[in-house]
N, C-alpha and C. Protein backbone atom coordinates (compact mmCIF):
# COMPACT_ATOMS: atom_id res chain seq x y z
N MET A 1 -128.83 -0.29 1.88
CA MET A 1 -129.17 -1.44 2.70
C MET A 1 -129.13 -2.67 1.82
N ASN A 2 -129.11 -3.78 2.45
CA ASN A 2 -129.24 -5.00 1.67
C ASN A 2 -130.17 -5.95 2.41
N ASP A 3 -130.70 -6.89 1.67
CA ASP A 3 -131.69 -7.82 2.18
C ASP A 3 -131.19 -8.54 3.44
N SER A 4 -129.92 -8.94 3.42
CA SER A 4 -129.35 -9.65 4.55
C SER A 4 -129.36 -8.80 5.82
N PHE A 5 -129.05 -7.52 5.69
CA PHE A 5 -129.07 -6.61 6.84
C PHE A 5 -130.47 -6.54 7.46
N TRP A 6 -131.48 -6.32 6.63
CA TRP A 6 -132.83 -6.17 7.17
C TRP A 6 -133.31 -7.47 7.81
N ARG A 7 -133.04 -8.61 7.19
CA ARG A 7 -133.43 -9.89 7.78
C ARG A 7 -132.81 -10.05 9.16
N THR A 8 -131.50 -9.77 9.23
CA THR A 8 -130.80 -9.90 10.50
C THR A 8 -131.33 -8.92 11.53
N TRP A 9 -131.58 -7.68 11.12
CA TRP A 9 -132.11 -6.67 12.03
C TRP A 9 -133.46 -7.12 12.59
N LEU A 10 -134.35 -7.57 11.72
CA LEU A 10 -135.68 -8.01 12.17
C LEU A 10 -135.57 -9.20 13.13
N TYR A 11 -134.83 -10.20 12.73
CA TYR A 11 -134.68 -11.40 13.56
C TYR A 11 -134.09 -11.05 14.92
N ASP A 12 -133.01 -10.27 14.93
CA ASP A 12 -132.40 -9.91 16.20
C ASP A 12 -133.33 -9.08 17.07
N ARG A 13 -134.04 -8.17 16.47
CA ARG A 13 -134.97 -7.33 17.25
C ARG A 13 -136.05 -8.21 17.90
N LEU A 14 -136.54 -9.20 17.19
CA LEU A 14 -137.57 -10.08 17.74
C LEU A 14 -137.00 -10.99 18.83
N ARG A 15 -135.88 -11.65 18.54
CA ARG A 15 -135.34 -12.62 19.49
C ARG A 15 -134.76 -11.99 20.75
N LEU A 16 -134.45 -10.71 20.69
CA LEU A 16 -133.85 -10.03 21.84
C LEU A 16 -134.85 -9.17 22.61
N THR A 17 -136.13 -9.26 22.26
CA THR A 17 -137.16 -8.47 22.94
C THR A 17 -137.98 -9.39 23.83
N SER A 18 -137.86 -9.19 25.13
CA SER A 18 -138.50 -10.07 26.12
C SER A 18 -139.99 -10.30 25.90
N PRO A 19 -140.80 -9.24 25.67
CA PRO A 19 -142.23 -9.50 25.47
C PRO A 19 -142.54 -10.38 24.26
N VAL A 20 -141.69 -10.31 23.24
CA VAL A 20 -141.90 -11.15 22.05
C VAL A 20 -141.55 -12.60 22.36
N VAL A 21 -140.35 -12.84 22.90
CA VAL A 21 -139.94 -14.22 23.15
C VAL A 21 -140.72 -14.87 24.30
N ALA A 22 -141.38 -14.07 25.12
CA ALA A 22 -142.28 -14.65 26.13
C ALA A 22 -143.49 -15.30 25.46
N LEU A 23 -143.83 -14.82 24.27
CA LEU A 23 -144.98 -15.34 23.52
C LEU A 23 -144.57 -16.33 22.43
N VAL A 24 -143.42 -16.07 21.80
CA VAL A 24 -142.91 -16.92 20.72
C VAL A 24 -141.41 -17.12 20.96
N PRO A 25 -140.98 -18.33 21.34
CA PRO A 25 -139.56 -18.55 21.59
C PRO A 25 -138.72 -18.30 20.34
N GLU A 26 -137.45 -17.96 20.56
CA GLU A 26 -136.53 -17.69 19.45
C GLU A 26 -136.51 -18.83 18.44
N ALA A 27 -136.57 -20.06 18.89
CA ALA A 27 -136.53 -21.22 17.99
C ALA A 27 -137.77 -21.31 17.10
N SER A 28 -138.80 -20.51 17.39
CA SER A 28 -140.03 -20.52 16.60
C SER A 28 -140.16 -19.29 15.71
N ILE A 29 -139.04 -18.62 15.44
CA ILE A 29 -139.00 -17.48 14.51
C ILE A 29 -138.18 -17.93 13.30
N TYR A 30 -138.82 -17.95 12.13
CA TYR A 30 -138.21 -18.53 10.93
C TYR A 30 -138.10 -17.50 9.81
N GLY A 31 -137.12 -17.70 8.97
CA GLY A 31 -137.02 -16.94 7.73
C GLY A 31 -137.83 -17.62 6.65
N ALA A 32 -138.29 -16.84 5.69
CA ALA A 32 -139.06 -17.40 4.58
C ALA A 32 -138.24 -18.46 3.87
N GLY A 33 -138.86 -19.53 3.50
CA GLY A 33 -138.19 -20.60 2.77
C GLY A 33 -137.44 -21.59 3.64
N SER A 34 -137.39 -21.36 4.95
CA SER A 34 -136.61 -22.26 5.80
C SER A 34 -137.43 -23.45 6.30
N LEU A 35 -138.73 -23.40 6.17
CA LEU A 35 -139.58 -24.48 6.65
C LEU A 35 -139.87 -25.48 5.54
N THR A 36 -139.65 -26.75 5.84
CA THR A 36 -140.00 -27.80 4.88
C THR A 36 -141.24 -28.57 5.33
N ALA A 37 -141.66 -28.31 6.57
CA ALA A 37 -142.86 -28.93 7.12
C ALA A 37 -143.39 -28.01 8.21
N PRO A 38 -144.65 -28.17 8.58
CA PRO A 38 -145.19 -27.34 9.65
C PRO A 38 -144.43 -27.58 10.96
N PRO A 39 -144.04 -26.53 11.66
CA PRO A 39 -143.39 -26.72 12.96
C PRO A 39 -144.33 -27.40 13.95
N ALA A 40 -143.78 -28.23 14.80
CA ALA A 40 -144.58 -28.92 15.81
C ALA A 40 -145.09 -27.94 16.87
N LYS A 41 -144.27 -26.96 17.22
CA LYS A 41 -144.64 -26.01 18.27
C LYS A 41 -145.26 -24.77 17.67
N LYS A 42 -146.35 -24.38 18.27
CA LYS A 42 -147.04 -23.17 17.85
C LYS A 42 -147.28 -22.31 19.08
N PRO A 43 -147.31 -21.03 18.92
CA PRO A 43 -147.28 -20.24 17.69
C PRO A 43 -145.87 -20.14 17.12
N PHE A 44 -145.81 -19.67 15.86
CA PHE A 44 -144.52 -19.39 15.23
C PHE A 44 -144.68 -18.21 14.29
N ILE A 45 -143.53 -17.59 13.97
CA ILE A 45 -143.47 -16.42 13.10
C ILE A 45 -142.60 -16.75 11.90
N VAL A 46 -143.02 -16.28 10.71
CA VAL A 46 -142.20 -16.40 9.50
C VAL A 46 -141.97 -14.98 8.97
N ILE A 47 -140.69 -14.65 8.73
CA ILE A 47 -140.30 -13.34 8.20
C ILE A 47 -140.09 -13.45 6.70
N THR A 48 -140.79 -12.63 5.93
CA THR A 48 -140.58 -12.57 4.48
C THR A 48 -140.20 -11.15 4.09
N MET A 49 -139.27 -11.05 3.15
CA MET A 49 -138.76 -9.75 2.72
C MET A 49 -139.25 -9.44 1.31
N GLY A 50 -139.58 -8.17 1.09
CA GLY A 50 -139.98 -7.70 -0.23
C GLY A 50 -138.79 -7.17 -1.01
N GLN A 51 -139.08 -6.52 -2.09
CA GLN A 51 -138.06 -5.98 -2.98
C GLN A 51 -137.38 -4.77 -2.34
N ASP A 52 -136.07 -4.64 -2.56
CA ASP A 52 -135.29 -3.47 -2.12
C ASP A 52 -135.47 -2.39 -3.19
N VAL A 53 -136.03 -1.22 -2.80
CA VAL A 53 -136.40 -0.18 -3.75
C VAL A 53 -135.66 1.11 -3.42
N PRO A 54 -135.00 1.74 -4.41
CA PRO A 54 -134.36 3.02 -4.15
C PRO A 54 -135.42 4.08 -3.82
N GLU A 55 -135.18 4.85 -2.77
CA GLU A 55 -136.08 5.93 -2.39
C GLU A 55 -135.59 7.24 -2.98
N PHE A 56 -134.36 7.59 -2.67
CA PHE A 56 -133.67 8.75 -3.22
C PHE A 56 -132.19 8.46 -3.07
N PRO A 57 -131.29 9.26 -3.63
CA PRO A 57 -129.87 8.91 -3.63
C PRO A 57 -129.36 8.51 -2.24
N GLY A 58 -128.80 7.31 -2.18
CA GLY A 58 -128.20 6.82 -0.95
C GLY A 58 -129.14 6.16 0.03
N VAL A 59 -130.43 6.13 -0.27
CA VAL A 59 -131.42 5.57 0.67
C VAL A 59 -132.32 4.59 -0.07
N SER A 60 -132.58 3.44 0.56
CA SER A 60 -133.50 2.48 -0.03
C SER A 60 -134.58 2.09 0.97
N ARG A 61 -135.63 1.50 0.43
CA ARG A 61 -136.77 1.05 1.22
C ARG A 61 -137.00 -0.42 0.92
N GLN A 62 -137.33 -1.17 1.96
CA GLN A 62 -137.68 -2.57 1.77
C GLN A 62 -138.86 -2.90 2.67
N ASP A 63 -139.82 -3.60 2.10
CA ASP A 63 -140.97 -4.03 2.88
C ASP A 63 -140.72 -5.41 3.44
N ALA A 64 -141.31 -5.68 4.59
CA ALA A 64 -141.24 -7.00 5.22
C ALA A 64 -142.64 -7.38 5.67
N THR A 65 -142.97 -8.64 5.52
CA THR A 65 -144.24 -9.16 6.02
C THR A 65 -143.93 -10.25 7.03
N LEU A 66 -144.53 -10.15 8.20
CA LEU A 66 -144.39 -11.18 9.22
C LEU A 66 -145.69 -11.96 9.27
N TRP A 67 -145.56 -13.28 9.23
CA TRP A 67 -146.69 -14.20 9.26
C TRP A 67 -146.76 -14.81 10.65
N PHE A 68 -147.89 -14.67 11.31
CA PHE A 68 -148.08 -15.16 12.68
C PHE A 68 -149.03 -16.36 12.64
N HIS A 69 -148.50 -17.54 12.92
CA HIS A 69 -149.27 -18.79 12.85
C HIS A 69 -149.55 -19.29 14.27
N ASP A 70 -150.72 -19.93 14.44
CA ASP A 70 -151.07 -20.53 15.73
C ASP A 70 -152.03 -21.70 15.48
N GLU A 71 -152.26 -22.45 16.56
CA GLU A 71 -153.24 -23.55 16.50
C GLU A 71 -154.61 -22.98 16.15
N PRO A 72 -155.44 -23.74 15.42
CA PRO A 72 -156.79 -23.28 15.14
C PRO A 72 -157.55 -22.99 16.44
N GLY A 73 -158.37 -21.97 16.37
CA GLY A 73 -159.14 -21.52 17.53
C GLY A 73 -159.24 -20.02 17.51
N THR A 74 -159.02 -19.41 18.65
CA THR A 74 -159.12 -17.97 18.75
C THR A 74 -157.87 -17.27 18.19
N TYR A 75 -158.05 -16.06 17.70
CA TYR A 75 -156.94 -15.26 17.19
C TYR A 75 -156.34 -14.36 18.27
N ASN A 76 -156.79 -14.49 19.51
CA ASN A 76 -156.33 -13.61 20.58
C ASN A 76 -154.82 -13.67 20.80
N ARG A 77 -154.24 -14.87 20.81
CA ARG A 77 -152.80 -14.98 21.04
C ARG A 77 -152.03 -14.35 19.88
N ILE A 78 -152.49 -14.55 18.65
CA ILE A 78 -151.84 -13.91 17.51
C ILE A 78 -151.89 -12.39 17.66
N ASP A 79 -153.02 -11.87 18.08
CA ASP A 79 -153.13 -10.41 18.26
C ASP A 79 -152.17 -9.91 19.33
N GLN A 80 -151.98 -10.66 20.40
CA GLN A 80 -151.01 -10.28 21.44
C GLN A 80 -149.58 -10.29 20.88
N ILE A 81 -149.27 -11.29 20.10
CA ILE A 81 -147.94 -11.41 19.51
C ILE A 81 -147.69 -10.25 18.55
N ARG A 82 -148.67 -9.96 17.70
CA ARG A 82 -148.51 -8.86 16.74
C ARG A 82 -148.27 -7.54 17.45
N GLN A 83 -148.98 -7.30 18.54
CA GLN A 83 -148.79 -6.06 19.29
C GLN A 83 -147.38 -5.99 19.88
N ALA A 84 -146.90 -7.08 20.45
CA ALA A 84 -145.54 -7.11 21.02
C ALA A 84 -144.50 -6.90 19.93
N VAL A 85 -144.69 -7.50 18.77
CA VAL A 85 -143.75 -7.35 17.66
C VAL A 85 -143.77 -5.91 17.14
N ARG A 86 -144.94 -5.34 16.99
CA ARG A 86 -145.03 -3.96 16.51
C ARG A 86 -144.28 -3.01 17.44
N GLN A 87 -144.45 -3.20 18.74
CA GLN A 87 -143.74 -2.35 19.70
C GLN A 87 -142.23 -2.58 19.64
N ALA A 88 -141.82 -3.83 19.46
CA ALA A 88 -140.39 -4.15 19.38
C ALA A 88 -139.73 -3.51 18.16
N LEU A 89 -140.43 -3.49 17.04
CA LEU A 89 -139.87 -2.98 15.81
C LEU A 89 -140.05 -1.48 15.62
N CYS A 90 -141.16 -0.94 16.11
CA CYS A 90 -141.52 0.44 15.79
C CYS A 90 -141.64 1.37 16.99
N GLY A 91 -141.47 0.86 18.18
CA GLY A 91 -141.59 1.72 19.35
C GLY A 91 -142.94 1.61 20.00
N PRO A 92 -143.12 2.33 21.10
CA PRO A 92 -144.32 2.17 21.91
C PRO A 92 -145.62 2.59 21.23
N ASP A 93 -145.57 3.50 20.26
CA ASP A 93 -146.82 3.90 19.61
C ASP A 93 -147.23 2.95 18.51
N GLY A 94 -146.32 2.05 18.10
CA GLY A 94 -146.65 1.03 17.11
C GLY A 94 -146.80 1.54 15.70
N ASN A 95 -146.56 2.81 15.46
CA ASN A 95 -146.72 3.34 14.12
C ASN A 95 -145.42 3.70 13.43
N THR A 96 -144.51 4.27 14.16
CA THR A 96 -143.24 4.66 13.55
C THR A 96 -142.22 4.84 14.65
N GLY A 97 -140.99 4.62 14.33
CA GLY A 97 -139.96 4.82 15.34
C GLY A 97 -138.59 4.87 14.71
N PRO A 98 -137.70 5.65 15.28
CA PRO A 98 -136.34 5.71 14.75
C PRO A 98 -135.59 4.42 15.03
N VAL A 99 -134.68 4.11 14.15
CA VAL A 99 -133.85 2.92 14.29
C VAL A 99 -132.40 3.38 14.23
N ALA A 100 -131.66 3.16 15.29
CA ALA A 100 -130.29 3.66 15.35
C ALA A 100 -129.27 2.68 14.79
N GLU A 101 -129.58 1.40 14.77
CA GLU A 101 -128.60 0.39 14.39
C GLU A 101 -128.13 0.52 12.95
N ALA A 102 -126.83 0.45 12.78
CA ALA A 102 -126.16 0.31 11.48
C ALA A 102 -126.67 1.23 10.39
N GLY A 103 -126.96 2.47 10.71
CA GLY A 103 -127.33 3.44 9.69
C GLY A 103 -128.78 3.40 9.27
N ALA A 104 -129.59 2.58 9.88
CA ALA A 104 -130.99 2.52 9.51
C ALA A 104 -131.69 3.82 9.91
N ILE A 105 -132.74 4.15 9.23
CA ILE A 105 -133.47 5.38 9.51
C ILE A 105 -134.78 5.10 10.23
N ALA A 106 -135.59 4.18 9.71
CA ALA A 106 -136.90 4.00 10.32
C ALA A 106 -137.51 2.64 9.99
N CYS A 107 -138.36 2.19 10.89
CA CYS A 107 -139.21 1.03 10.67
C CYS A 107 -140.63 1.51 10.93
N ARG A 108 -141.51 1.30 9.97
CA ARG A 108 -142.87 1.81 10.09
C ARG A 108 -143.87 0.67 9.89
N TRP A 109 -144.83 0.60 10.81
CA TRP A 109 -145.93 -0.36 10.66
C TRP A 109 -146.84 0.14 9.55
N MET A 110 -147.21 -0.77 8.64
CA MET A 110 -148.03 -0.39 7.49
C MET A 110 -149.46 -0.93 7.57
N ALA A 111 -149.61 -2.21 7.93
CA ALA A 111 -150.96 -2.79 7.92
C ALA A 111 -150.97 -4.15 8.59
N ASP A 112 -152.12 -4.51 9.11
CA ASP A 112 -152.40 -5.84 9.64
C ASP A 112 -153.46 -6.50 8.79
N SER A 113 -153.31 -7.79 8.53
CA SER A 113 -154.33 -8.52 7.78
C SER A 113 -155.49 -8.88 8.70
N GLY A 114 -156.52 -9.39 8.10
CA GLY A 114 -157.62 -9.96 8.86
C GLY A 114 -157.34 -11.43 9.17
N ASP A 115 -158.32 -12.08 9.72
CA ASP A 115 -158.21 -13.50 10.09
C ASP A 115 -158.09 -14.36 8.83
N GLN A 116 -157.14 -15.31 8.87
CA GLN A 116 -156.93 -16.22 7.76
C GLN A 116 -156.67 -17.62 8.30
N ALA A 117 -156.64 -18.58 7.39
CA ALA A 117 -156.26 -19.96 7.73
C ALA A 117 -155.23 -20.42 6.72
N ASP A 118 -154.28 -21.24 7.17
CA ASP A 118 -153.27 -21.81 6.29
C ASP A 118 -153.45 -23.33 6.32
N GLU A 119 -154.07 -23.86 5.29
CA GLU A 119 -154.36 -25.29 5.25
C GLU A 119 -153.08 -26.12 5.17
N GLY A 120 -152.03 -25.61 4.52
CA GLY A 120 -150.78 -26.33 4.39
C GLY A 120 -150.11 -26.57 5.75
N TYR A 121 -150.15 -25.57 6.61
CA TYR A 121 -149.56 -25.68 7.94
C TYR A 121 -150.58 -26.12 9.00
N GLY A 122 -151.86 -26.14 8.63
CA GLY A 122 -152.89 -26.50 9.59
C GLY A 122 -153.02 -25.49 10.71
N THR A 123 -152.86 -24.20 10.38
CA THR A 123 -152.87 -23.15 11.38
C THR A 123 -153.87 -22.06 11.02
N ILE A 124 -154.16 -21.22 12.01
CA ILE A 124 -154.75 -19.93 11.73
C ILE A 124 -153.58 -18.97 11.59
N VAL A 125 -153.78 -17.88 10.85
CA VAL A 125 -152.66 -16.99 10.56
C VAL A 125 -153.15 -15.57 10.32
N LYS A 126 -152.33 -14.62 10.70
CA LYS A 126 -152.49 -13.22 10.34
C LYS A 126 -151.13 -12.70 9.92
N THR A 127 -151.12 -11.64 9.13
CA THR A 127 -149.86 -11.03 8.72
C THR A 127 -149.81 -9.57 9.17
N THR A 128 -148.59 -9.06 9.27
CA THR A 128 -148.37 -7.64 9.52
C THR A 128 -147.27 -7.18 8.57
N ASP A 129 -147.50 -6.03 7.93
CA ASP A 129 -146.54 -5.47 6.99
C ASP A 129 -145.80 -4.30 7.63
N PHE A 130 -144.49 -4.26 7.41
CA PHE A 130 -143.64 -3.18 7.88
C PHE A 130 -142.86 -2.61 6.70
N GLN A 131 -142.49 -1.34 6.79
CA GLN A 131 -141.64 -0.70 5.80
C GLN A 131 -140.35 -0.29 6.52
N LEU A 132 -139.23 -0.68 5.95
CA LEU A 132 -137.91 -0.38 6.49
C LEU A 132 -137.19 0.56 5.54
N VAL A 133 -136.64 1.65 6.06
CA VAL A 133 -135.96 2.63 5.24
C VAL A 133 -134.58 2.87 5.81
N GLY A 134 -133.55 2.81 4.96
CA GLY A 134 -132.19 3.00 5.47
C GLY A 134 -131.22 3.49 4.42
N ARG A 135 -130.06 3.92 4.88
CA ARG A 135 -129.00 4.40 4.00
C ARG A 135 -128.30 3.22 3.33
N LYS A 136 -128.09 3.32 2.06
CA LYS A 136 -127.37 2.25 1.32
C LYS A 136 -125.92 2.22 1.73
N GLY A 137 -125.36 1.02 1.73
CA GLY A 137 -123.95 0.87 2.02
C GLY A 137 -123.62 0.74 3.49
N ASN A 138 -124.62 0.83 4.36
CA ASN A 138 -124.38 0.72 5.79
C ASN A 138 -124.77 -0.61 6.36
N GLY A 139 -125.31 -1.50 5.52
CA GLY A 139 -125.73 -2.80 6.01
C GLY A 139 -124.64 -3.74 5.84
């Protein structure tokens, strides 16, 4: 796998899933490093990718963290968004699910953060970590 494949897979899965875009429009889903200022519209999602790590011959693992930002106040909308995203990426049980696209093997939900605040963006924020596992050379 390569970083570009996983980024594209995550972004496409989010933007093409109705329950997700009903809560966060496609234009409010960003890649890490693409924001130079806080977005005017909230909520928004930022996708960050971790290191690509060999698992065993021909297979690699990469972690991804999604950052869910919203206006200060209640975290309820963020929790709804995280649930929709988890189902979009990992299936209805939210824990693990097969991924058929482009040789990928699995996307697994790993953890949710607690309540946080981002003073730079002036938002409340939570994160969710996912683990992506796939065959090398198929991305």
